Amino acid sequence: MYCTQHLFDEDMNLRVEMSERLIPILEDQANYELVFQQDGASSHFSNDVRAWLDENIDGRWIGRGGAISWASRSPDLTPLDFFYEVLSRQRHTQAISKILMI
């Protein structure tokens, strides 16, 4: 599994970053079964993004409207969204007894 999490400033182009880092990893023969997985953000669902993925990754990406369909609320697709939902429910089950707990 390869995980990428970068903070991009306004001068960084995500397409360049993906072309320079992601594409070589996916094209490596040893990684032939490796699949790119979207994180569920609405900005990653645009027609431009999906067209770029279709053109450059050729059916090896998971995401809403992607080559490999996946449930939009699947914990496998959006683990942080899923985790936050569980954490939020747990947070609201404990009553605050002291102001210091806040």
PDB file of N, CA and C in Angstrom:
ATOM      1  N   MET A   1       0.848  -1.168   0.000  1.00  0.00           N
ATOM      2  CA  MET A   1       0.000   0.000   0.000  1.00  0.00           C
ATOM      3  C   MET A   1       0.896   1.235   0.000  1.00  0.00           C
ATOM      4  N   TYR A   2       0.579   2.159  -0.842  1.00  0.00           N
ATOM      5  CA  TYR A   2       1.253   3.444  -0.878  1.00  0.00           C
ATOM      6  C   TYR A   2       0.261   4.485  -0.395  1.00  0.00           C
ATOM      7  N   CYS A   3       0.675   5.295   0.556  1.00  0.00           N
ATOM      8  CA  CYS A   3      -0.196   6.362   1.047  1.00  0.00           C
ATOM      9  C   CYS A   3       0.471   7.688   0.739  1.00  0.00           C
ATOM     10  N   THR A   4      -0.312   8.604   0.235  1.00  0.00           N
ATOM     11  CA  THR A   4       0.213   9.943   0.001  1.00  0.00           C
ATOM     12  C   THR A   4      -0.690  10.940   0.684  1.00  0.00           C
ATOM     13  N   GLN A   5      -0.072  11.830   1.385  1.00  0.00           N
ATOM     14  CA  GLN A   5      -0.826  12.914   1.999  1.00  0.00           C
ATOM     15  C   GLN A   5       0.105  14.116   2.005  1.00  0.00           C
ATOM     16  N   HIS A   6      -0.148  15.020   1.105  1.00  0.00           N
ATOM     17  CA  HIS A   6       0.690  16.198   0.973  1.00  0.00           C
ATOM     18  C   HIS A   6      -0.172  17.436   1.183  1.00  0.00           C
ATOM     19  N   LEU A   7       0.437  18.457   1.727  1.00  0.00           N
ATOM     20  CA  LEU A   7      -0.213  19.759   1.771  1.00  0.00           C
ATOM     21  C   LEU A   7       0.292  20.527   0.559  1.00  0.00           C
ATOM     22  N   PHE A   8      -0.607  20.885  -0.315  1.00  0.00           N
ATOM     23  CA  PHE A   8      -0.230  21.558  -1.550  1.00  0.00           C
ATOM     24  C   PHE A   8      -0.405  23.058  -1.387  1.00  0.00           C
ATOM     25  N   ASP A   9       0.619  23.795  -1.757  1.00  0.00           N
ATOM     26  CA  ASP A   9       0.458  25.238  -1.769  1.00  0.00           C
ATOM     27  C   ASP A   9      -0.095  25.655  -3.127  1.00  0.00           C
ATOM     28  N   GLU A  10      -0.349  26.924  -3.284  1.00  0.00           N
ATOM     29  CA  GLU A  10      -1.014  27.390  -4.504  1.00  0.00           C
ATOM     30  C   GLU A  10      -0.170  27.197  -5.760  1.00  0.00           C
ATOM     31  N   ASP A  11       1.142  27.019  -5.611  1.00  0.00           N
ATOM     32  CA  ASP A  11       2.009  26.851  -6.775  1.00  0.00           C
ATOM     33  C   ASP A  11       2.130  25.398  -7.227  1.00  0.00           C
ATOM     34  N   MET A  12       1.674  24.468  -6.423  1.00  0.00           N
ATOM     35  CA  MET A  12       1.831  23.057  -6.765  1.00  0.00           C
ATOM     36  C   MET A  12       0.644  22.587  -7.596  1.00  0.00           C
ATOM     37  N   ASN A  13       0.925  21.840  -8.609  1.00  0.00           N
ATOM     38  CA  ASN A  13      -0.101  21.309  -9.486  1.00  0.00           C
ATOM     39  C   ASN A  13      -0.262  19.826  -9.192  1.00  0.00           C
ATOM     40  N   LEU A  14      -1.449  19.438  -8.775  1.00  0.00           N
ATOM     41  CA  LEU A  14      -1.691  18.050  -8.405  1.00  0.00           C
ATOM     42  C   LEU A  14      -1.496  17.107  -9.583  1.00  0.00           C
ATOM     43  N   ARG A  15      -1.846  17.547 -10.778  1.00  0.00           N
ATOM     44  CA  ARG A  15      -1.649  16.681 -11.953  1.00  0.00           C
ATOM     45  C   ARG A  15      -0.173  16.382 -12.177  1.00  0.00           C
ATOM     46  N   VAL A  16       0.667  17.383 -11.977  1.00  0.00           N
ATOM     47  CA  VAL A  16       2.109  17.166 -12.119  1.00  0.00           C
ATOM     48  C   VAL A  16       2.585  16.202 -11.040  1.00  0.00           C
ATOM     49  N   GLU A  17       2.137  16.412  -9.822  1.00  0.00           N
ATOM     50  CA  GLU A  17       2.514  15.535  -8.708  1.00  0.00           C
ATOM     51  C   GLU A  17       2.102  14.087  -8.983  1.00  0.00           C
ATOM     52  N   MET A  18       0.888  13.898  -9.456  1.00  0.00           N
ATOM     53  CA  MET A  18       0.420  12.545  -9.743  1.00  0.00           C
ATOM     54  C   MET A  18       1.184  11.940 -10.916  1.00  0.00           C
ATOM     55  N   SER A  19       1.466  12.747 -11.919  1.00  0.00           N
ATOM     56  CA  SER A  19       2.205  12.243 -13.081  1.00  0.00           C
ATOM     57  C   SER A  19       3.618  11.819 -12.701  1.00  0.00           C
ATOM     58  N   GLU A  20       4.244  12.578 -11.806  1.00  0.00           N
ATOM     59  CA  GLU A  20       5.627  12.288 -11.432  1.00  0.00           C
ATOM     60  C   GLU A  20       5.747  11.186 -10.384  1.00  0.00           C
ATOM     61  N   ARG A  21       4.741  11.018  -9.536  1.00  0.00           N
ATOM     62  CA  ARG A  21       4.842  10.031  -8.457  1.00  0.00           C
ATOM     63  C   ARG A  21       3.927   8.828  -8.647  1.00  0.00           C
ATOM     64  N   LEU A  22       2.657   9.078  -8.905  1.00  0.00           N
ATOM     65  CA  LEU A  22       1.683   7.988  -8.958  1.00  0.00           C
ATOM     66  C   LEU A  22       1.837   7.122 -10.205  1.00  0.00           C
ATOM     67  N   ILE A  23       1.911   7.742 -11.352  1.00  0.00           N
ATOM     68  CA  ILE A  23       1.963   6.981 -12.610  1.00  0.00           C
ATOM     69  C   ILE A  23       3.162   6.024 -12.647  1.00  0.00           C
ATOM     70  N   PRO A  24       4.376   6.462 -12.285  1.00  0.00           N
ATOM     71  CA  PRO A  24       5.491   5.509 -12.289  1.00  0.00           C
ATOM     72  C   PRO A  24       5.283   4.320 -11.342  1.00  0.00           C
ATOM     73  N   ILE A  25       4.664   4.558 -10.206  1.00  0.00           N
ATOM     74  CA  ILE A  25       4.395   3.460  -9.269  1.00  0.00           C
ATOM     75  C   ILE A  25       3.424   2.467  -9.890  1.00  0.00           C
ATOM     76  N   LEU A  26       2.353   2.983 -10.506  1.00  0.00           N
ATOM     77  CA  LEU A  26       1.354   2.101 -11.102  1.00  0.00           C
ATOM     78  C   LEU A  26       1.876   1.388 -12.348  1.00  0.00           C
ATOM     79  N   GLU A  27       2.792   2.025 -13.076  1.00  0.00           N
ATOM     80  CA  GLU A  27       3.320   1.418 -14.298  1.00  0.00           C
ATOM     81  C   GLU A  27       4.408   0.382 -14.029  1.00  0.00           C
ATOM     82  N   ASP A  28       4.971   0.394 -12.839  1.00  0.00           N
ATOM     83  CA  ASP A  28       5.992  -0.589 -12.484  1.00  0.00           C
ATOM     84  C   ASP A  28       5.383  -1.987 -12.579  1.00  0.00           C
ATOM     85  N   GLN A  29       6.033  -2.864 -13.298  1.00  0.00           N
ATOM     86  CA  GLN A  29       5.499  -4.209 -13.534  1.00  0.00           C
ATOM     87  C   GLN A  29       5.220  -4.945 -12.227  1.00  0.00           C
ATOM     88  N   ALA A  30       6.018  -4.691 -11.197  1.00  0.00           N
ATOM     89  CA  ALA A  30       5.811  -5.354  -9.909  1.00  0.00           C
ATOM     90  C   ALA A  30       4.511  -4.901  -9.245  1.00  0.00           C
ATOM     91  N   ASN A  31       4.008  -3.745  -9.643  1.00  0.00           N
ATOM     92  CA  ASN A  31       2.789  -3.193  -9.047  1.00  0.00           C
ATOM     93  C   ASN A  31       1.593  -3.313  -9.980  1.00  0.00           C
ATOM     94  N   TYR A  32       1.598  -4.289 -10.868  1.00  0.00           N
ATOM     95  CA  TYR A  32       0.551  -4.389 -11.873  1.00  0.00           C
ATOM     96  C   TYR A  32      -0.846  -4.495 -11.264  1.00  0.00           C
ATOM     97  N   GLU A  33      -0.971  -5.127 -10.108  1.00  0.00           N
ATOM     98  CA  GLU A  33      -2.282  -5.285  -9.478  1.00  0.00           C
ATOM     99  C   GLU A  33      -2.635  -4.121  -8.553  1.00  0.00           C
ATOM    100  N   LEU A  34      -1.763  -3.152  -8.424  1.00  0.00           N
ATOM    101  CA  LEU A  34      -2.008  -1.999  -7.574  1.00  0.00           C
ATOM    102  C   LEU A  34      -3.094  -1.125  -8.191  1.00  0.00           C
ATOM    103  N   VAL A  35      -3.995  -0.621  -7.351  1.00  0.00           N
ATOM    104  CA  VAL A  35      -5.118   0.194  -7.806  1.00  0.00           C
ATOM    105  C   VAL A  35      -5.113   1.505  -7.028  1.00  0.00           C
ATOM    106  N   PHE A  36      -5.357   2.615  -7.727  1.00  0.00           N
ATOM    107  CA  PHE A  36      -5.451   3.922  -7.079  1.00  0.00           C
ATOM    108  C   PHE A  36      -6.846   4.098  -6.501  1.00  0.00           C
ATOM    109  N   GLN A  37      -6.918   4.606  -5.277  1.00  0.00           N
ATOM    110  CA  GLN A  37      -8.200   4.754  -4.593  1.00  0.00           C
ATOM    111  C   GLN A  37      -8.419   6.211  -4.216  1.00  0.00           C
ATOM    112  N   GLN A  38      -9.528   6.778  -4.682  1.00  0.00           N
ATOM    113  CA  GLN A  38      -9.897   8.146  -4.339  1.00  0.00           C
ATOM    114  C   GLN A  38     -10.314   8.223  -2.881  1.00  0.00           C
ATOM    115  N   ASP A  39     -10.288   9.435  -2.316  1.00  0.00           N
ATOM    116  CA  ASP A  39     -10.650   9.597  -0.914  1.00  0.00           C
ATOM    117  C   ASP A  39     -12.082  10.067  -0.691  1.00  0.00           C
ATOM    118  N   GLY A  40     -12.853  10.239  -1.722  1.00  0.00           N
ATOM    119  CA  GLY A  40     -14.255  10.604  -1.562  1.00  0.00           C
ATOM    120  C   GLY A  40     -14.545  12.096  -1.540  1.00  0.00           C
ATOM    121  N   ALA A  41     -13.528  12.938  -1.638  1.00  0.00           N
ATOM    122  CA  ALA A  41     -13.752  14.383  -1.639  1.00  0.00           C
ATOM    123  C   ALA A  41     -14.506  14.794  -2.902  1.00  0.00           C
ATOM    124  N   SER A  42     -15.442  15.710  -2.742  1.00  0.00           N
ATOM    125  CA  SER A  42     -16.265  16.109  -3.887  1.00  0.00           C
ATOM    126  C   SER A  42     -15.441  16.756  -5.001  1.00  0.00           C
ATOM    127  N   SER A  43     -14.345  17.416  -4.654  1.00  0.00           N
ATOM    128  CA  SER A  43     -13.502  18.036  -5.688  1.00  0.00           C
ATOM    129  C   SER A  43     -12.815  16.995  -6.563  1.00  0.00           C
ATOM    130  N   HIS A  44     -12.729  15.760  -6.091  1.00  0.00           N
ATOM    131  CA  HIS A  44     -12.105  14.689  -6.867  1.00  0.00           C
ATOM    132  C   HIS A  44     -13.099  13.981  -7.777  1.00  0.00           C
ATOM    133  N   PHE A  45     -14.331  14.468  -7.800  1.00  0.00           N
ATOM    134  CA  PHE A  45     -15.381  13.859  -8.607  1.00  0.00           C
ATOM    135  C   PHE A  45     -15.640  14.637  -9.896  1.00  0.00           C
ATOM    136  N   SER A  46     -14.895  15.700 -10.139  1.00  0.00           N
ATOM    137  CA  SER A  46     -15.152  16.523 -11.328  1.00  0.00           C
ATOM    138  C   SER A  46     -14.888  15.723 -12.604  1.00  0.00           C
ATOM    139  N   ASN A  47     -15.518  16.166 -13.685  1.00  0.00           N
ATOM    140  CA  ASN A  47     -15.329  15.503 -14.980  1.00  0.00           C
ATOM    141  C   ASN A  47     -13.867  15.512 -15.408  1.00  0.00           C
ATOM    142  N   ASP A  48     -13.170  16.626 -15.144  1.00  0.00           N
ATOM    143  CA  ASP A  48     -11.755  16.731 -15.516  1.00  0.00           C
ATOM    144  C   ASP A  48     -10.905  15.697 -14.784  1.00  0.00           C
ATOM    145  N   VAL A  49     -11.144  15.558 -13.492  1.00  0.00           N
ATOM    146  CA  VAL A  49     -10.363  14.610 -12.692  1.00  0.00           C
ATOM    147  C   VAL A  49     -10.619  13.184 -13.158  1.00  0.00           C
ATOM    148  N   ARG A  50     -11.888  12.838 -13.338  1.00  0.00           N
ATOM    149  CA  ARG A  50     -12.217  11.476 -13.772  1.00  0.00           C
ATOM    150  C   ARG A  50     -11.672  11.190 -15.178  1.00  0.00           C
ATOM    151  N   ALA A  51     -11.729  12.174 -16.061  1.00  0.00           N
ATOM    152  CA  ALA A  51     -11.186  11.989 -17.416  1.00  0.00           C
ATOM    153  C   ALA A  51      -9.675  11.778 -17.360  1.00  0.00           C
ATOM    154  N   TRP A  52      -8.991  12.554 -16.510  1.00  0.00           N
ATOM    155  CA  TRP A  52      -7.542  12.394 -16.372  1.00  0.00           C
ATOM    156  C   TRP A  52      -7.204  11.003 -15.838  1.00  0.00           C
ATOM    157  N   LEU A  53      -7.942  10.559 -14.827  1.00  0.00           N
ATOM    158  CA  LEU A  53      -7.695   9.223 -14.269  1.00  0.00           C
ATOM    159  C   LEU A  53      -7.962   8.138 -15.308  1.00  0.00           C
ATOM    160  N   ASP A  54      -9.058   8.277 -16.047  1.00  0.00           N
ATOM    161  CA  ASP A  54      -9.369   7.288 -17.090  1.00  0.00           C
ATOM    162  C   ASP A  54      -8.270   7.231 -18.151  1.00  0.00           C
ATOM    163  N   GLU A  55      -7.763   8.387 -18.520  1.00  0.00           N
ATOM    164  CA  GLU A  55      -6.740   8.455 -19.564  1.00  0.00           C
ATOM    165  C   GLU A  55      -5.382   7.945 -19.081  1.00  0.00           C
ATOM    166  N   ASN A  56      -5.025   8.262 -17.846  1.00  0.00           N
ATOM    167  CA  ASN A  56      -3.678   7.967 -17.364  1.00  0.00           C
ATOM    168  C   ASN A  56      -3.550   6.689 -16.545  1.00  0.00           C
ATOM    169  N   ILE A  57      -4.631   6.250 -15.947  1.00  0.00           N
ATOM    170  CA  ILE A  57      -4.554   5.068 -15.091  1.00  0.00           C
ATOM    171  C   ILE A  57      -5.293   3.889 -15.713  1.00  0.00           C
ATOM    172  N   ASP A  58      -6.080   4.128 -16.717  1.00  0.00           N
ATOM    173  CA  ASP A  58      -6.692   3.082 -17.529  1.00  0.00           C
ATOM    174  C   ASP A  58      -7.403   1.995 -16.730  1.00  0.00           C
ATOM    175  N   GLY A  59      -8.453   2.383 -16.034  1.00  0.00           N
ATOM    176  CA  GLY A  59      -9.294   1.402 -15.359  1.00  0.00           C
ATOM    177  C   GLY A  59      -8.767   0.887 -14.041  1.00  0.00           C
ATOM    178  N   ARG A  60      -7.721   1.499 -13.511  1.00  0.00           N
ATOM    179  CA  ARG A  60      -7.139   1.023 -12.265  1.00  0.00           C
ATOM    180  C   ARG A  60      -7.344   2.025 -11.143  1.00  0.00           C
ATOM    181  N   TRP A  61      -8.558   2.574 -11.065  1.00  0.00           N
ATOM    182  CA  TRP A  61      -8.837   3.478  -9.956  1.00  0.00           C
ATOM    183  C   TRP A  61     -10.235   3.243  -9.413  1.00  0.00           C
ATOM    184  N   ILE A  62     -10.347   3.387  -8.100  1.00  0.00           N
ATOM    185  CA  ILE A  62     -11.605   3.194  -7.384  1.00  0.00           C
ATOM    186  C   ILE A  62     -12.104   4.562  -6.949  1.00  0.00           C
ATOM    187  N   GLY A  63     -13.376   4.816  -7.157  1.00  0.00           N
ATOM    188  CA  GLY A  63     -13.962   6.065  -6.706  1.00  0.00           C
ATOM    189  C   GLY A  63     -15.342   6.247  -7.289  1.00  0.00           C
ATOM    190  N   ARG A  64     -16.027   7.238  -6.797  1.00  0.00           N
ATOM    191  CA  ARG A  64     -17.367   7.539  -7.283  1.00  0.00           C
ATOM    192  C   ARG A  64     -17.287   7.879  -8.766  1.00  0.00           C
ATOM    193  N   GLY A  65     -18.027   7.147  -9.574  1.00  0.00           N
ATOM    194  CA  GLY A  65     -17.979   7.352 -11.015  1.00  0.00           C
ATOM    195  C   GLY A  65     -16.728   6.791 -11.660  1.00  0.00           C
ATOM    196  N   GLY A  66     -16.001   5.971 -10.931  1.00  0.00           N
ATOM    197  CA  GLY A  66     -14.734   5.458 -11.425  1.00  0.00           C
ATOM    198  C   GLY A  66     -14.852   4.160 -12.187  1.00  0.00           C
ATOM    199  N   ALA A  67     -13.714   3.703 -12.634  1.00  0.00           N
ATOM    200  CA  ALA A  67     -13.643   2.466 -13.401  1.00  0.00           C
ATOM    201  C   ALA A  67     -14.066   1.271 -12.555  1.00  0.00           C
ATOM    202  N   ILE A  68     -13.735   1.298 -11.277  1.00  0.00           N
ATOM    203  CA  ILE A  68     -14.137   0.252 -10.339  1.00  0.00           C
ATOM    204  C   ILE A  68     -15.089   0.910  -9.350  1.00  0.00           C
ATOM    205  N   SER A  69     -16.354   0.546  -9.419  1.00  0.00           N
ATOM    206  CA  SER A  69     -17.328   1.202  -8.544  1.00  0.00           C
ATOM    207  C   SER A  69     -17.168   0.703  -7.111  1.00  0.00           C
ATOM    208  N   TRP A  70     -17.507   1.567  -6.191  1.00  0.00           N
ATOM    209  CA  TRP A  70     -17.383   1.264  -4.778  1.00  0.00           C
ATOM    210  C   TRP A  70     -18.456   2.057  -4.048  1.00  0.00           C
ATOM    211  N   ALA A  71     -18.983   1.507  -3.005  1.00  0.00           N
ATOM    212  CA  ALA A  71     -20.027   2.205  -2.241  1.00  0.00           C
ATOM    213  C   ALA A  71     -19.480   3.514  -1.688  1.00  0.00           C
ATOM    214  N   SER A  72     -20.246   4.586  -1.838  1.00  0.00           N
ATOM    215  CA  SER A  72     -19.753   5.907  -1.442  1.00  0.00           C
ATOM    216  C   SER A  72     -19.504   6.028   0.052  1.00  0.00           C
ATOM    217  N   ARG A  73     -20.181   5.270   0.880  1.00  0.00           N
ATOM    218  CA  ARG A  73     -19.968   5.340   2.325  1.00  0.00           C
ATOM    219  C   ARG A  73     -19.198   4.130   2.838  1.00  0.00           C
ATOM    220  N   SER A  74     -18.514   3.459   1.973  1.00  0.00           N
ATOM    221  CA  SER A  74     -17.748   2.279   2.361  1.00  0.00           C
ATOM    222  C   SER A  74     -16.565   2.684   3.230  1.00  0.00           C
ATOM    223  N   PRO A  75     -16.339   1.994   4.354  1.00  0.00           N
ATOM    224  CA  PRO A  75     -15.163   2.313   5.165  1.00  0.00           C
ATOM    225  C   PRO A  75     -13.863   2.027   4.417  1.00  0.00           C
ATOM    226  N   ASP A  76     -13.917   1.201   3.384  1.00  0.00           N
ATOM    227  CA  ASP A  76     -12.725   0.932   2.586  1.00  0.00           C
ATOM    228  C   ASP A  76     -12.389   2.101   1.670  1.00  0.00           C
ATOM    229  N   LEU A  77     -13.389   2.875   1.290  1.00  0.00           N
ATOM    230  CA  LEU A  77     -13.148   3.986   0.373  1.00  0.00           C
ATOM    231  C   LEU A  77     -12.808   5.271   1.106  1.00  0.00           C
ATOM    232  N   THR A  78     -13.514   5.545   2.182  1.00  0.00           N
ATOM    233  CA  THR A  78     -13.306   6.788   2.907  1.00  0.00           C
ATOM    234  C   THR A  78     -13.077   6.486   4.383  1.00  0.00           C
ATOM    235  N   PRO A  79     -11.939   5.918   4.743  1.00  0.00           N
ATOM    236  CA  PRO A  79     -11.723   5.509   6.124  1.00  0.00           C
ATOM    237  C   PRO A  79     -11.779   6.658   7.118  1.00  0.00           C
ATOM    238  N   LEU A  80     -11.284   7.828   6.754  1.00  0.00           N
ATOM    239  CA  LEU A  80     -11.327   8.929   7.707  1.00  0.00           C
ATOM    240  C   LEU A  80     -12.744   9.443   7.902  1.00  0.00           C
ATOM    241  N   ASP A  81     -13.536   9.493   6.836  1.00  0.00           N
ATOM    242  CA  ASP A  81     -14.930   9.889   6.982  1.00  0.00           C
ATOM    243  C   ASP A  81     -15.671   8.892   7.861  1.00  0.00           C
ATOM    244  N   PHE A  82     -15.431   7.619   7.635  1.00  0.00           N
ATOM    245  CA  PHE A  82     -16.074   6.570   8.420  1.00  0.00           C
ATOM    246  C   PHE A  82     -15.648   6.675   9.880  1.00  0.00           C
ATOM    247  N   PHE A  83     -14.355   6.854  10.125  1.00  0.00           N
ATOM    248  CA  PHE A  83     -13.840   6.956  11.484  1.00  0.00           C
ATOM    249  C   PHE A  83     -14.425   8.170  12.189  1.00  0.00           C
ATOM    250  N   TYR A  84     -14.501   9.307  11.500  1.00  0.00           N
ATOM    251  CA  TYR A  84     -15.037  10.514  12.114  1.00  0.00           C
ATOM    252  C   TYR A  84     -16.489  10.319  12.524  1.00  0.00           C
ATOM    253  N   GLU A  85     -17.266   9.631  11.708  1.00  0.00           N
ATOM    254  CA  GLU A  85     -18.668   9.382  12.037  1.00  0.00           C
ATOM    255  C   GLU A  85     -18.785   8.562  13.319  1.00  0.00           C
ATOM    256  N   VAL A  86     -17.975   7.529  13.444  1.00  0.00           N
ATOM    257  CA  VAL A  86     -17.981   6.694  14.652  1.00  0.00           C
ATOM    258  C   VAL A  86     -17.517   7.506  15.853  1.00  0.00           C
ATOM    259  N   LEU A  87     -16.452   8.254  15.699  1.00  0.00           N
ATOM    260  CA  LEU A  87     -15.924   9.076  16.777  1.00  0.00           C
ATOM    261  C   LEU A  87     -16.945  10.117  17.223  1.00  0.00           C
ATOM    262  N   SER A  88     -17.642  10.711  16.281  1.00  0.00           N
ATOM    263  CA  SER A  88     -18.654  11.713  16.596  1.00  0.00           C
ATOM    264  C   SER A  88     -19.783  11.119  17.428  1.00  0.00           C
ATOM    265  N   ARG A  89     -20.224   9.921  17.081  1.00  0.00           N
ATOM    266  CA  ARG A  89     -21.276   9.265  17.862  1.00  0.00           C
ATOM    267  C   ARG A  89     -20.806   8.963  19.279  1.00  0.00           C
ATOM    268  N   GLN A  90     -19.571   8.520  19.433  1.00  0.00           N
ATOM    269  CA  GLN A  90     -19.045   8.211  20.761  1.00  0.00           C
ATOM    270  C   GLN A  90     -18.891   9.472  21.594  1.00  0.00           C
ATOM    271  N   ARG A  91     -18.514  10.538  20.960  1.00  0.00           N
ATOM    272  CA  ARG A  91     -18.315  11.797  21.674  1.00  0.00           C
ATOM    273  C   ARG A  91     -19.616  12.280  22.292  1.00  0.00           C
ATOM    274  N   HIS A  92     -20.719  12.073  21.613  1.00  0.00           N
ATOM    275  CA  HIS A  92     -22.001  12.567  22.102  1.00  0.00           C
ATOM    276  C   HIS A  92     -22.669  11.633  23.102  1.00  0.00           C
ATOM    277  N   THR A  93     -22.059  10.507  23.412  1.00  0.00           N
ATOM    278  CA  THR A  93     -22.672   9.580  24.373  1.00  0.00           C
ATOM    279  C   THR A  93     -22.239   9.854  25.796  1.00  0.00           C
ATOM    280  N   GLN A  94     -21.166  10.602  26.000  1.00  0.00           N
ATOM    281  CA  GLN A  94     -20.675  10.873  27.341  1.00  0.00           C
ATOM    282  C   GLN A  94     -21.067  12.292  27.736  1.00  0.00           C
ATOM    283  N   ALA A  95     -21.778  12.391  28.853  1.00  0.00           N
ATOM    284  CA  ALA A  95     -22.201  13.704  29.338  1.00  0.00           C
ATOM    285  C   ALA A  95     -21.013  14.441  29.947  1.00  0.00           C
ATOM    286  N   ILE A  96     -20.975  15.729  29.764  1.00  0.00           N
ATOM    287  CA  ILE A  96     -19.911  16.546  30.344  1.00  0.00           C
ATOM    288  C   ILE A  96     -20.327  16.921  31.752  1.00  0.00           C
ATOM    289  N   SER A  97     -19.510  16.518  32.719  1.00  0.00           N
ATOM    290  CA  SER A  97     -19.867  16.768  34.115  1.00  0.00           C
ATOM    291  C   SER A  97     -19.176  17.995  34.680  1.00  0.00           C
ATOM    292  N   LYS A  98     -18.091  18.403  34.096  1.00  0.00           N
ATOM    293  CA  LYS A  98     -17.352  19.557  34.594  1.00  0.00           C
ATOM    294  C   LYS A  98     -16.950  20.435  33.421  1.00  0.00           C
ATOM    295  N   ILE A  99     -16.847  21.694  33.669  1.00  0.00           N
ATOM    296  CA  ILE A  99     -16.431  22.619  32.624  1.00  0.00           C
ATOM    297  C   ILE A  99     -14.989  22.335  32.189  1.00  0.00           C
ATOM    298  N   LEU A 100     -14.187  21.757  33.082  1.00  0.00           N
ATOM    299  CA  LEU A 100     -12.797  21.445  32.755  1.00  0.00           C
ATOM    300  C   LEU A 100     -12.684  20.348  31.709  1.00  0.00           C
ATOM    301  N   MET A 101     -13.729  19.543  31.541  1.00  0.00           N
ATOM    302  CA  MET A 101     -13.701  18.476  30.550  1.00  0.00           C
ATOM    303  C   MET A 101     -13.750  19.030  29.133  1.00  0.00           C
ATOM    304  N   ILE A 102     -14.208  20.252  29.003  1.00  0.00           N
ATOM    305  CA  ILE A 102     -14.295  20.867  27.685  1.00  0.00           C
ATOM    306  C   ILE A 102     -12.933  21.347  27.326  1.00  0.00           C
TER     307      ILE A 102
END
